[in-house]
Amino acid sequence: MPTVIIEGPKADAEIKRELVRRITEVVREVYKVHHVSVIIHENEPENVGVDGELLSDVIARRKG
């Protein structure tokens, strides 16, 4: 059974439902399997670095 792990920002349940549904469809099509697991890890912006900066700082700079 393939397992897909998603690392991304916090999201509401509806976004997660769509993400899981669509990823599962693609994995089933490509691997020709029925059972697929999708695990979502949500990360706070202050726990993510992008180009040497905290994502929270990048977001704050864009807003302000």
Protein backbone atom coordinates (compact mmCIF):
# COMPACT_ATOMS: atom_id res chain seq x y z
CA MET A 1 0.00 0.00 0.00
CA PRO A 2 1.54 3.35 -1.02
CA THR A 3 1.77 6.03 1.65
CA VAL A 4 1.99 9.71 0.73
CA ILE A 5 3.16 12.21 3.34
CA ILE A 6 2.29 15.87 2.84
CA GLU A 7 4.22 18.58 4.69
CA GLY A 8 2.40 21.87 4.46
CA PRO A 9 0.62 24.76 6.12
CA LYS A 10 -2.41 24.46 8.37
CA ALA A 11 -5.60 23.94 6.40
CA ASP A 12 -9.27 23.48 7.17
CA ALA A 13 -10.98 20.09 6.92
CA GLU A 14 -12.51 20.79 3.49
CA ILE A 15 -9.12 21.53 1.95
CA LYS A 16 -7.69 18.36 3.52
CA ARG A 17 -10.59 16.29 2.17
CA GLU A 18 -9.98 17.52 -1.37
CA LEU A 19 -6.22 17.06 -1.07
CA VAL A 20 -6.58 13.48 0.16
CA ARG A 21 -9.19 12.65 -2.48
CA ARG A 22 -7.18 14.00 -5.39
CA ILE A 23 -3.83 12.56 -4.30
CA THR A 24 -5.48 9.18 -3.76
CA GLU A 25 -6.96 9.27 -7.28
CA VAL A 26 -3.57 9.91 -8.87
CA VAL A 27 -1.73 7.29 -6.81
CA ARG A 28 -4.40 4.67 -7.59
CA GLU A 29 -4.17 5.46 -11.29
CA VAL A 30 -0.38 5.34 -11.44
CA TYR A 31 0.26 2.39 -9.11
CA LYS A 32 -2.85 0.43 -10.14
CA VAL A 33 -3.73 -0.23 -6.48
CA HIS A 34 -6.83 0.32 -4.40
CA HIS A 35 -5.52 1.11 -0.91
CA VAL A 36 -3.62 4.39 -0.46
CA SER A 37 -2.68 6.16 2.77
CA VAL A 38 -2.22 9.92 2.93
CA ILE A 39 -0.70 11.54 6.02
CA ILE A 40 -0.84 15.31 6.46
CA HIS A 41 1.71 17.04 8.67
CA GLU A 42 0.78 20.65 9.35
CA ASN A 43 3.58 23.09 10.00
CA GLU A 44 3.39 26.53 11.63
CA PRO A 45 5.12 29.26 9.56
CA GLU A 46 7.63 29.85 12.38
CA ASN A 47 8.75 26.23 11.99
CA VAL A 48 9.53 26.50 8.26
CA GLY A 49 12.61 28.09 6.72
CA VAL A 50 12.66 29.42 3.15
CA ASP A 51 15.86 30.75 1.59
CA GLY A 52 17.47 31.25 5.00
CA GLU A 53 14.52 33.00 6.64
CA LEU A 54 11.59 31.87 8.75
CA LEU A 55 8.44 31.69 6.66
CA SER A 56 6.62 33.68 9.36
CA ASP A 57 9.06 36.58 8.80
CA VAL A 58 8.59 36.42 5.01
CA ILE A 59 4.80 36.50 5.41
CA ALA A 60 4.96 39.39 7.89
CA ARG A 61 7.18 41.40 5.54
CA ARG A 62 4.79 40.87 2.63
CA LYS A 63 1.83 42.02 4.72
CA GLY A 64 3.47 45.04 6.13
